[in-house]
Amino acid sequence: MLLIGLTGNIASGKSTVAQMFADRGATLIDADELARDAVAVGSDGHRKIVERWGDDILKADGGLDRVALRQIVFQEPTELEALNSIVHPEVSRLRDDLINEARERGDETVVCDIPLLFERNLVNDFDRIVLVDAPRPLRLERLTRERALGQTEAMNMIASQMPAELKRARADYIIENEGSIEALEKRVDEVWRALHATS
C-alpha cells in the first residue's frame, strides 16, 4: 500500500487536489473531517475545549461555534497550541484506525489530507509527501473572497502556519495551484503517475 501525506497551507487548494486524487482511485482520509469527529458533542475533545474556553464558544445546539473559537485561538499562539494539543492526538488515533482498515482491505493508494503535516512532525509516517502551494497574496484573496473572512483574520490564519518555503524544501512533489482548474488537473495527473512509477 502506498501511503501519501498531502498537505498545503490554508487556501492553497489542497482539498481540491485531495478530491482529484480520490477521483483517480485513492482512498482519501481527511484530517478536517477527523477533527470534526474529534470535537463532536459528547466527545472527550468537546468536553476539554468547553472546560478551557467556556460556554461562550458553543452554539445553541451545544456544538462548537467555530467562528468564536477561531477568533480566540488565531490571535494568540499559546491558545492555538492548547487547542491543537486537545484535537491532534484524537485525530491521529482516528487516522491510524482508518489506515489500518484500508491496509486490511488491500487498498493500493491511501492519501491522508493533513493541513499541519509538517508542523506536527508527521513526515516520517508516509511513503511520499505531496505539497499543494499557491502564492501568499492569492491565498489571502481566496480566504477573504471564498470564506468571507476579514483581512486581519485571514492574515492571522496564514501567519499561524509554517511558511510554504520551508515545506517546499521537504516535499517529494509540489503541485502549484495558481492557474486554471485544467492546469491543476494536468499537474495532478503528472504527480499521480510519478507516485505510482516509484512505488
Protein backbone atom coordinates (compact mmCIF):
# COMPACT_ATOMS: atom_id res chain seq x y z
CA MET A 1 0.00 0.00 0.00
CA LEU A 2 1.29 3.46 -0.96
CA LEU A 3 0.66 5.92 1.87
CA ILE A 4 0.76 9.56 0.78
CA GLY A 5 0.75 12.61 3.02
CA LEU A 6 -0.97 15.52 1.26
CA THR A 7 -0.51 18.96 2.73
CA GLY A 8 -0.62 22.66 1.89
CA ASN A 9 -1.17 25.91 3.68
CA ILE A 10 -4.64 27.35 4.09
CA ALA A 11 -6.40 28.29 0.82
CA SER A 12 -3.74 26.58 -1.31
CA GLY A 13 -6.37 24.30 -2.89
CA LYS A 14 -5.36 21.16 -1.02
CA SER A 15 -8.93 19.90 -0.64
CA THR A 16 -9.48 20.24 -4.38
CA VAL A 17 -6.34 18.22 -5.07
CA ALA A 18 -7.38 15.63 -2.48
CA GLN A 19 -10.65 15.12 -4.36
CA MET A 20 -8.76 14.80 -7.64
CA PHE A 21 -6.64 12.03 -6.12
CA ALA A 22 -9.81 10.33 -4.87
CA ASP A 23 -11.25 10.58 -8.40
CA ARG A 24 -8.17 8.68 -9.62
CA GLY A 25 -8.80 5.83 -7.20
CA ALA A 26 -7.11 6.84 -3.95
CA THR A 27 -8.69 6.18 -0.58
CA LEU A 28 -8.96 9.64 1.00
CA ILE A 29 -8.59 10.27 4.73
CA ASP A 30 -9.40 13.90 5.53
CA ALA A 31 -7.91 15.39 8.70
CA ASP A 32 -10.55 18.16 8.74
CA GLU A 33 -13.33 15.54 8.87
CA LEU A 34 -11.49 13.66 11.61
CA ALA A 35 -11.04 16.93 13.52
CA ARG A 36 -14.81 17.49 13.40
CA ASP A 37 -15.38 13.97 14.71
CA ALA A 38 -12.79 14.55 17.45
CA VAL A 39 -14.75 17.52 18.85
CA ALA A 40 -18.30 16.33 18.22
CA VAL A 41 -20.79 16.85 21.04
CA GLY A 42 -20.22 14.14 23.64
CA SER A 43 -16.58 13.52 22.72
CA ASP A 44 -13.62 13.96 25.06
CA GLY A 45 -12.32 16.69 22.77
CA HIS A 46 -15.56 18.66 23.05
CA ARG A 47 -15.55 18.38 26.84
CA LYS A 48 -11.91 19.55 27.13
CA ILE A 49 -12.50 22.52 24.83
CA VAL A 50 -15.52 23.67 26.85
CA GLU A 51 -13.54 23.22 30.09
CA ARG A 52 -10.79 25.51 28.76
CA TRP A 53 -12.75 28.20 26.90
CA GLY A 54 -16.19 28.05 28.49
CA ASP A 55 -19.72 28.07 27.11
CA ASP A 56 -19.12 31.24 25.04
CA ILE A 57 -17.68 29.07 22.26
CA LEU A 58 -20.83 26.93 21.99
CA LYS A 59 -23.75 27.28 19.62
CA ALA A 60 -27.34 26.86 20.79
CA ASP A 61 -27.31 23.15 19.90
CA GLY A 62 -24.21 22.54 22.04
CA GLY A 63 -21.83 22.20 19.10
CA LEU A 64 -18.72 24.34 18.82
CA ASP A 65 -19.07 27.85 17.45
CA ARG A 66 -16.03 27.61 15.19
CA VAL A 67 -16.02 31.32 14.39
CA ALA A 68 -15.90 32.28 18.08
CA LEU A 69 -13.22 29.70 18.82
CA ARG A 70 -11.16 30.73 15.78
CA GLN A 71 -11.21 34.37 16.85
CA ILE A 72 -9.67 33.34 20.18
CA VAL A 73 -7.02 30.89 19.03
CA PHE A 74 -5.70 32.59 15.91
CA GLN A 75 -4.89 35.77 17.83
CA GLU A 76 -2.77 34.03 20.45
CA PRO A 77 -0.24 31.26 19.61
CA THR A 78 -0.46 29.66 23.07
CA GLU A 79 -4.24 29.32 22.72
CA LEU A 80 -3.86 27.73 19.27
CA GLU A 81 -1.31 25.29 20.69
CA ALA A 82 -3.69 24.44 23.53
CA LEU A 83 -6.45 23.67 21.02
CA ASN A 84 -4.11 21.59 18.89
CA SER A 85 -2.96 19.59 21.92
CA ILE A 86 -6.59 18.62 22.55
CA VAL A 87 -7.59 17.84 18.97
CA HIS A 88 -4.49 16.33 17.32
CA PRO A 89 -3.94 13.21 19.46
CA GLU A 90 -7.53 12.14 18.83
CA VAL A 91 -7.25 12.91 15.10
CA SER A 92 -4.09 10.76 14.93
CA ARG A 93 -5.86 7.86 16.61
CA LEU A 94 -8.81 8.07 14.22
CA ARG A 95 -6.47 8.34 11.20
CA ASP A 96 -4.45 5.30 12.29
CA ASP A 97 -7.67 3.28 12.57
CA LEU A 98 -8.70 4.23 9.01
CA ILE A 99 -5.23 3.49 7.59
CA ASN A 100 -5.30 0.05 9.21
CA GLU A 101 -8.76 -0.61 7.77
CA ALA A 102 -7.52 0.41 4.29
CA ARG A 103 -4.50 -1.88 4.62
CA GLU A 104 -6.72 -4.80 5.65
CA ARG A 105 -8.99 -4.16 2.63
CA GLY A 106 -5.98 -4.20 0.33
CA ASP A 107 -6.36 -0.59 -0.84
CA GLU A 108 -3.49 0.34 -3.18
CA THR A 109 -3.19 4.08 -2.53
CA VAL A 110 -4.19 6.00 0.59
CA VAL A 111 -3.99 9.79 0.65
CA CYS A 112 -4.07 11.48 4.06
CA ASP A 113 -5.07 15.13 3.72
CA ILE A 114 -3.28 16.81 6.66
CA PRO A 115 -3.01 20.63 6.81
CA LEU A 116 -0.41 20.61 9.61
CA LEU A 117 1.65 17.63 8.46
CA PHE A 118 4.98 19.43 8.82
CA GLU A 119 4.01 21.37 11.94
CA ARG A 120 3.05 18.08 13.66
CA ASN A 121 6.25 16.30 12.52
CA LEU A 122 4.40 13.58 10.63
CA VAL A 123 6.70 13.40 7.59
CA ASN A 124 8.18 10.03 8.51
CA ASP A 125 4.71 8.45 8.78
CA PHE A 126 4.33 8.49 4.98
CA ASP A 127 5.93 6.97 1.90
CA ARG A 128 5.66 10.24 -0.08
CA ILE A 129 4.77 13.86 0.73
CA VAL A 130 2.82 16.00 -1.75
CA LEU A 131 2.58 19.74 -1.14
CA VAL A 132 -0.06 21.95 -2.75
CA ASP A 133 1.05 25.57 -2.91
CA ALA A 134 -0.13 28.93 -4.18
CA PRO A 135 1.35 32.43 -3.74
CA ARG A 136 0.50 34.06 -0.42
CA PRO A 137 -1.39 37.04 -1.96
CA LEU A 138 -3.59 34.60 -3.88
CA ARG A 139 -4.28 32.55 -0.76
CA LEU A 140 -5.20 35.73 1.13
CA GLU A 141 -7.56 36.74 -1.67
CA ARG A 142 -9.20 33.28 -1.64
CA LEU A 143 -9.76 33.44 2.12
CA THR A 144 -11.38 36.86 2.01
CA ARG A 145 -13.43 36.13 -1.13
CA GLU A 146 -14.46 32.49 -0.75
CA ARG A 147 -14.70 32.23 3.03
CA ALA A 148 -15.85 35.80 3.67
CA LEU A 149 -13.13 36.38 6.26
CA GLY A 150 -11.88 39.82 7.20
CA GLN A 151 -8.39 40.77 6.07
CA THR A 152 -6.91 40.65 9.59
CA GLU A 153 -8.43 37.28 10.45
CA ALA A 154 -7.26 35.83 7.13
CA MET A 155 -3.74 37.16 7.68
CA ASN A 156 -3.66 35.71 11.21
CA MET A 157 -4.65 32.28 9.86
CA ILE A 158 -1.93 32.40 7.21
CA ALA A 159 0.68 33.59 9.72
CA SER A 160 -0.16 30.75 12.13
CA GLN A 161 1.21 28.15 9.71
CA MET A 162 4.78 27.26 8.79
CA PRO A 163 5.89 29.28 5.72
CA ALA A 164 5.39 27.40 2.45
CA GLU A 165 9.07 27.90 1.53
CA LEU A 166 10.13 25.60 4.40
CA LYS A 167 7.57 22.99 3.38
CA ARG A 168 8.61 23.06 -0.28
CA ALA A 169 12.14 22.03 0.66
CA ARG A 170 10.86 18.89 2.39
CA ALA A 171 8.12 17.74 -0.01
CA ASP A 172 8.65 14.94 -2.55
CA TYR A 173 6.23 16.54 -5.04
CA ILE A 174 4.87 20.09 -5.33
CA ILE A 175 1.60 20.93 -7.04
CA GLU A 176 1.34 24.62 -7.94
CA ASN A 177 -2.22 25.91 -7.82
CA GLU A 178 -2.30 29.41 -9.21
CA GLY A 179 -3.87 28.86 -12.62
CA SER A 180 -6.88 27.18 -14.16
CA ILE A 181 -8.60 24.02 -12.92
CA GLU A 182 -7.44 22.35 -16.16
CA ALA A 183 -3.81 23.17 -15.38
CA LEU A 184 -4.30 21.77 -11.88
CA GLU A 185 -5.81 18.53 -13.24
CA LYS A 186 -2.84 18.15 -15.60
CA ARG A 187 -0.31 18.58 -12.77
CA VAL A 188 -2.23 16.17 -10.53
CA ASP A 189 -2.10 13.61 -13.36
CA GLU A 190 1.68 14.05 -13.63
CA VAL A 191 2.18 13.61 -9.89
CA TRP A 192 -0.21 10.63 -9.74
CA ARG A 193 1.76 8.86 -12.46
CA ALA A 194 5.09 9.69 -10.81
CA LEU A 195 3.90 8.42 -7.43
CA HIS A 196 2.94 5.09 -8.90
CA ALA A 197 6.04 4.80 -11.08
CA THR A 198 8.21 4.91 -7.94
CA SER A 199 6.01 2.98 -5.53
